[in-house]
Amino acid sequence: MIQRLQSLYLIAITIISSLLLFGDIPFYAETGKPSVTNESTGDTTAYATTTITVDYNSTDTEEGKIGTNHTIIYFLGGIALLSLITIFLFKKRKLQQRLVFGIIAMNVVVLVSMYLLSFGNAYTDIDTQQAVLNGAGIPLAIFVFALLAYHRIGKDEKLVRSLDRIR
């Protein structure tokens, strides 16, 4: 039911995760020179300075796409789908709470994947400058909305139990 506050939180989670899934919002950028070491001679060759940006869908350079971030794509899609399904389970509050906890767990996986794709990889070796972009904070909004929804579902369950006691 849309008049419940947790439904609005779950709709916000669906919208945010869908925007991250289908939009090109970068969360990390690295500028530097990649280098390659010849194992037989030990010589190191440095290439021209390049900028690498990592968004929720792919990892890109100035020349083009160098990789797809499958883990983030799958988990953001799962978060969007699960939050949409959870909205319509308003009569099953215990199940709704478990599904929201699943959304929180999947969001933690997205945050860990973001860290591993940004600081866990060394895209460049020489004169590296790393920057966390504004898009990195957006999954925290999903986390906050999920916690608020979990709390409101718990309050609804508590209210229903207290009304059952009165009857």
C-alpha atoms as a PDB file:
ATOM      1  CA  MET A   1       0.000   0.000   0.000  1.00  0.00           C
ATOM      2  CA  ILE A   2       1.398   3.353  -1.012  1.00  0.00           C
ATOM      3  CA  GLN A   3       0.127   5.288   2.019  1.00  0.00           C
ATOM      4  CA  ARG A   4       2.564   3.473   4.296  1.00  0.00           C
ATOM      5  CA  LEU A   5       5.856   5.280   4.843  1.00  0.00           C
ATOM      6  CA  GLN A   6       7.988   2.171   4.287  1.00  0.00           C
ATOM      7  CA  SER A   7       6.430   1.823   0.828  1.00  0.00           C
ATOM      8  CA  LEU A   8       7.763   5.262  -0.048  1.00  0.00           C
ATOM      9  CA  TYR A   9      11.211   4.233   1.209  1.00  0.00           C
ATOM     10  CA  LEU A  10      11.078   1.076  -0.901  1.00  0.00           C
ATOM     11  CA  ILE A  11       9.980   3.063  -3.975  1.00  0.00           C
ATOM     12  CA  ALA A  12      12.931   5.405  -3.383  1.00  0.00           C
ATOM     13  CA  ILE A  13      15.262   2.372  -3.229  1.00  0.00           C
ATOM     14  CA  THR A  14      13.813   1.068  -6.507  1.00  0.00           C
ATOM     15  CA  ILE A  15      14.251   4.429  -8.240  1.00  0.00           C
ATOM     16  CA  ILE A  16      17.799   5.002  -6.962  1.00  0.00           C
ATOM     17  CA  SER A  17      19.030   1.508  -7.818  1.00  0.00           C
ATOM     18  CA  SER A  18      17.415   1.718 -11.276  1.00  0.00           C
ATOM     19  CA  LEU A  19      19.108   5.059 -11.928  1.00  0.00           C
ATOM     20  CA  LEU A  20      22.455   3.591 -10.899  1.00  0.00           C
ATOM     21  CA  LEU A  21      21.842   0.525 -13.019  1.00  0.00           C
ATOM     22  CA  PHE A  22      20.884   2.329 -16.225  1.00  0.00           C
ATOM     23  CA  GLY A  23      22.742   5.625 -15.828  1.00  0.00           C
ATOM     24  CA  ASP A  24      26.426   6.318 -16.340  1.00  0.00           C
ATOM     25  CA  ILE A  25      27.261   7.742 -12.940  1.00  0.00           C
ATOM     26  CA  PRO A  26      30.988   7.433 -12.181  1.00  0.00           C
ATOM     27  CA  PHE A  27      32.149   6.847  -8.626  1.00  0.00           C
ATOM     28  CA  TYR A  28      35.935   6.648  -9.073  1.00  0.00           C
ATOM     29  CA  ALA A  29      38.560   8.174 -11.340  1.00  0.00           C
ATOM     30  CA  GLU A  30      42.271   7.499 -11.609  1.00  0.00           C
ATOM     31  CA  THR A  31      44.780   9.451 -13.662  1.00  0.00           C
ATOM     32  CA  GLY A  32      48.296   8.221 -14.263  1.00  0.00           C
ATOM     33  CA  LYS A  33      50.648   6.351 -16.539  1.00  0.00           C
ATOM     34  CA  PRO A  34      50.291   2.605 -16.897  1.00  0.00           C
ATOM     35  CA  SER A  35      53.543   0.711 -17.261  1.00  0.00           C
ATOM     36  CA  VAL A  36      54.599  -2.726 -18.454  1.00  0.00           C
ATOM     37  CA  THR A  37      57.732  -4.553 -17.340  1.00  0.00           C
ATOM     38  CA  ASN A  38      59.468  -6.914 -19.737  1.00  0.00           C
ATOM     39  CA  GLU A  39      60.161 -10.009 -17.657  1.00  0.00           C
ATOM     40  CA  SER A  40      63.135 -11.206 -19.684  1.00  0.00           C
ATOM     41  CA  THR A  41      65.076  -7.917 -19.713  1.00  0.00           C
ATOM     42  CA  GLY A  42      63.586  -6.168 -16.678  1.00  0.00           C
ATOM     43  CA  ASP A  43      62.969  -2.965 -18.650  1.00  0.00           C
ATOM     44  CA  THR A  44      59.901  -0.906 -17.736  1.00  0.00           C
ATOM     45  CA  THR A  45      57.955   0.911 -20.433  1.00  0.00           C
ATOM     46  CA  ALA A  46      55.627   3.739 -19.350  1.00  0.00           C
ATOM     47  CA  TYR A  47      52.736   4.714 -21.569  1.00  0.00           C
ATOM     48  CA  ALA A  48      51.041   8.095 -21.975  1.00  0.00           C
ATOM     49  CA  THR A  49      48.954   9.548 -19.168  1.00  0.00           C
ATOM     50  CA  THR A  50      45.425   8.202 -19.195  1.00  0.00           C
ATOM     51  CA  THR A  51      42.283   8.679 -17.116  1.00  0.00           C
ATOM     52  CA  ILE A  52      40.246   5.698 -16.017  1.00  0.00           C
ATOM     53  CA  THR A  53      36.713   6.146 -14.701  1.00  0.00           C
ATOM     54  CA  VAL A  54      34.710   3.464 -12.970  1.00  0.00           C
ATOM     55  CA  ASP A  55      30.922   3.694 -12.978  1.00  0.00           C
ATOM     56  CA  TYR A  56      28.282   1.236 -11.861  1.00  0.00           C
ATOM     57  CA  ASN A  57      28.079  -0.422 -15.296  1.00  0.00           C
ATOM     58  CA  SER A  58      31.610  -0.397 -16.683  1.00  0.00           C
ATOM     59  CA  THR A  59      35.216   0.675 -16.374  1.00  0.00           C
ATOM     60  CA  ASP A  60      36.195   3.149 -19.087  1.00  0.00           C
ATOM     61  CA  THR A  61      39.294   4.895 -20.378  1.00  0.00           C
ATOM     62  CA  GLU A  62      39.456   7.873 -22.686  1.00  0.00           C
ATOM     63  CA  GLU A  63      39.685   5.466 -25.611  1.00  0.00           C
ATOM     64  CA  GLY A  64      36.728   3.286 -24.657  1.00  0.00           C
ATOM     65  CA  LYS A  65      35.303   0.635 -22.397  1.00  0.00           C
ATOM     66  CA  ILE A  66      37.775  -1.805 -20.821  1.00  0.00           C
ATOM     67  CA  GLY A  67      35.463  -3.851 -18.629  1.00  0.00           C
ATOM     68  CA  THR A  68      31.953  -4.506 -17.365  1.00  0.00           C
ATOM     69  CA  ASN A  69      31.195  -4.487 -13.650  1.00  0.00           C
ATOM     70  CA  HIS A  70      28.965  -7.567 -13.540  1.00  0.00           C
ATOM     71  CA  THR A  71      28.766  -7.904  -9.755  1.00  0.00           C
ATOM     72  CA  ILE A  72      27.460  -4.385  -9.282  1.00  0.00           C
ATOM     73  CA  ILE A  73      25.014  -4.734 -12.194  1.00  0.00           C
ATOM     74  CA  TYR A  74      23.539  -7.991 -10.870  1.00  0.00           C
ATOM     75  CA  PHE A  75      23.218  -6.812  -7.290  1.00  0.00           C
ATOM     76  CA  LEU A  76      21.730  -3.403  -8.208  1.00  0.00           C
ATOM     77  CA  GLY A  77      19.201  -5.209 -10.398  1.00  0.00           C
ATOM     78  CA  GLY A  78      18.431  -7.557  -7.509  1.00  0.00           C
ATOM     79  CA  ILE A  79      17.984  -4.634  -5.130  1.00  0.00           C
ATOM     80  CA  ALA A  80      15.586  -2.886  -7.532  1.00  0.00           C
ATOM     81  CA  LEU A  81      13.565  -6.051  -8.136  1.00  0.00           C
ATOM     82  CA  LEU A  82      13.478  -7.113  -4.476  1.00  0.00           C
ATOM     83  CA  SER A  83      12.401  -3.686  -3.254  1.00  0.00           C
ATOM     84  CA  LEU A  84       9.633  -3.570  -5.867  1.00  0.00           C
ATOM     85  CA  ILE A  85       8.387  -7.032  -4.822  1.00  0.00           C
ATOM     86  CA  THR A  86       8.601  -6.104  -1.136  1.00  0.00           C
ATOM     87  CA  ILE A  87       6.202  -3.177  -1.623  1.00  0.00           C
ATOM     88  CA  PHE A  88       3.382  -5.553  -2.584  1.00  0.00           C
ATOM     89  CA  LEU A  89       3.915  -7.900   0.374  1.00  0.00           C
ATOM     90  CA  PHE A  90       2.355  -5.438   2.815  1.00  0.00           C
ATOM     91  CA  LYS A  91       0.237  -8.123   4.542  1.00  0.00           C
ATOM     92  CA  LYS A  92       3.300 -10.278   5.306  1.00  0.00           C
ATOM     93  CA  ARG A  93       5.357  -7.960   7.492  1.00  0.00           C
ATOM     94  CA  LYS A  94       7.807 -10.588   8.791  1.00  0.00           C
ATOM     95  CA  LEU A  95       8.658 -11.640   5.227  1.00  0.00           C
ATOM     96  CA  GLN A  96       8.893  -7.986   4.282  1.00  0.00           C
ATOM     97  CA  GLN A  97      11.439  -7.397   7.057  1.00  0.00           C
ATOM     98  CA  ARG A  98      13.539 -10.361   5.923  1.00  0.00           C
ATOM     99  CA  LEU A  99      13.498  -9.130   2.331  1.00  0.00           C
ATOM    100  CA  VAL A 100      14.550  -5.627   3.412  1.00  0.00           C
ATOM    101  CA  PHE A 101      17.392  -7.226   5.379  1.00  0.00           C
ATOM    102  CA  GLY A 102      18.332  -8.990   2.128  1.00  0.00           C
ATOM    103  CA  ILE A 103      18.344  -5.597   0.379  1.00  0.00           C
ATOM    104  CA  ILE A 104      20.707  -4.290   3.054  1.00  0.00           C
ATOM    105  CA  ALA A 105      23.010  -7.310   2.596  1.00  0.00           C
ATOM    106  CA  MET A 106      23.015  -6.900  -1.193  1.00  0.00           C
ATOM    107  CA  ASN A 107      23.823  -3.210  -0.810  1.00  0.00           C
ATOM    108  CA  VAL A 108      26.818  -4.128   1.354  1.00  0.00           C
ATOM    109  CA  VAL A 109      28.022  -6.371  -1.489  1.00  0.00           C
ATOM    110  CA  VAL A 110      27.648  -3.417  -3.895  1.00  0.00           C
ATOM    111  CA  LEU A 111      29.684  -1.183  -1.553  1.00  0.00           C
ATOM    112  CA  VAL A 112      32.435  -3.800  -1.189  1.00  0.00           C
ATOM    113  CA  SER A 113      32.504  -4.310  -4.975  1.00  0.00           C
ATOM    114  CA  MET A 114      32.821  -0.565  -5.460  1.00  0.00           C
ATOM    115  CA  TYR A 115      35.816  -0.520  -3.135  1.00  0.00           C
ATOM    116  CA  LEU A 116      37.465  -3.472  -4.865  1.00  0.00           C
ATOM    117  CA  LEU A 117      36.902  -1.970  -8.324  1.00  0.00           C
ATOM    118  CA  SER A 118      38.367   1.359  -7.290  1.00  0.00           C
ATOM    119  CA  PHE A 119      41.090   1.066  -4.677  1.00  0.00           C
ATOM    120  CA  GLY A 120      41.519  -2.693  -5.002  1.00  0.00           C
ATOM    121  CA  ASN A 121      42.829  -2.381  -8.569  1.00  0.00           C
ATOM    122  CA  ALA A 122      45.942  -0.558  -9.662  1.00  0.00           C
ATOM    123  CA  TYR A 123      44.984   0.740 -13.082  1.00  0.00           C
ATOM    124  CA  THR A 124      48.047   2.971 -13.377  1.00  0.00           C
ATOM    125  CA  ASP A 125      51.528   2.713 -11.852  1.00  0.00           C
ATOM    126  CA  ILE A 126      53.359   6.002 -12.337  1.00  0.00           C
ATOM    127  CA  ASP A 127      52.177   9.470 -11.193  1.00  0.00           C
ATOM    128  CA  THR A 128      48.842   8.101 -10.022  1.00  0.00           C
ATOM    129  CA  GLN A 129      46.130  10.437  -8.787  1.00  0.00           C
ATOM    130  CA  GLN A 130      43.013   8.798  -7.380  1.00  0.00           C
ATOM    131  CA  ALA A 131      39.688  10.517  -6.781  1.00  0.00           C
ATOM    132  CA  VAL A 132      36.444   9.315  -5.272  1.00  0.00           C
ATOM    133  CA  LEU A 133      33.632  11.069  -7.120  1.00  0.00           C
ATOM    134  CA  ASN A 134      30.234  12.247  -5.872  1.00  0.00           C
ATOM    135  CA  GLY A 135      28.505   9.176  -7.288  1.00  0.00           C
ATOM    136  CA  ALA A 136      30.138   7.019  -4.609  1.00  0.00           C
ATOM    137  CA  GLY A 137      27.741   8.291  -1.950  1.00  0.00           C
ATOM    138  CA  ILE A 138      24.558   7.306  -3.759  1.00  0.00           C
ATOM    139  CA  PRO A 139      24.472   3.651  -2.560  1.00  0.00           C
ATOM    140  CA  LEU A 140      24.589   4.978   1.001  1.00  0.00           C
ATOM    141  CA  ALA A 141      21.152   6.491   0.335  1.00  0.00           C
ATOM    142  CA  ILE A 142      19.904   2.995  -0.531  1.00  0.00           C
ATOM    143  CA  PHE A 143      21.356   1.755   2.758  1.00  0.00           C
ATOM    144  CA  VAL A 144      19.674   4.536   4.760  1.00  0.00           C
ATOM    145  CA  PHE A 145      16.294   4.081   3.045  1.00  0.00           C
ATOM    146  CA  ALA A 146      16.476   0.313   3.652  1.00  0.00           C
ATOM    147  CA  LEU A 147      17.199   0.849   7.350  1.00  0.00           C
ATOM    148  CA  LEU A 148      14.290   3.296   7.596  1.00  0.00           C
ATOM    149  CA  ALA A 149      11.964   0.833   5.827  1.00  0.00           C
ATOM    150  CA  TYR A 150      13.083  -1.983   8.143  1.00  0.00           C
ATOM    151  CA  HIS A 151      12.369   0.198  11.157  1.00  0.00           C
ATOM    152  CA  ARG A 152       8.910   1.260   9.900  1.00  0.00           C
ATOM    153  CA  ILE A 153       7.917  -2.334   9.081  1.00  0.00           C
ATOM    154  CA  GLY A 154       8.902  -3.289  12.632  1.00  0.00           C
ATOM    155  CA  LYS A 155       6.749  -0.468  14.007  1.00  0.00           C
ATOM    156  CA  ASP A 156       3.790  -1.674  11.914  1.00  0.00           C
ATOM    157  CA  GLU A 157       4.231  -5.221  13.192  1.00  0.00           C
ATOM    158  CA  LYS A 158       4.389  -3.973  16.771  1.00  0.00           C
ATOM    159  CA  LEU A 159       1.208  -1.911  16.254  1.00  0.00           C
ATOM    160  CA  VAL A 160      -0.678  -4.873  14.776  1.00  0.00           C
ATOM    161  CA  ARG A 161       0.395  -7.119  17.661  1.00  0.00           C
ATOM    162  CA  SER A 162      -0.755  -4.547  20.227  1.00  0.00           C
ATOM    163  CA  LEU A 163      -4.141  -4.226  18.487  1.00  0.00           C
ATOM    164  CA  ASP A 164      -4.505  -8.025  18.479  1.00  0.00           C
ATOM    165  CA  ARG A 165      -3.924  -8.033  22.245  1.00  0.00           C
ATOM    166  CA  ILE A 166      -6.678  -5.478  22.800  1.00  0.00           C
ATOM    167  CA  ARG A 167      -9.283  -7.573  20.961  1.00  0.00           C
END
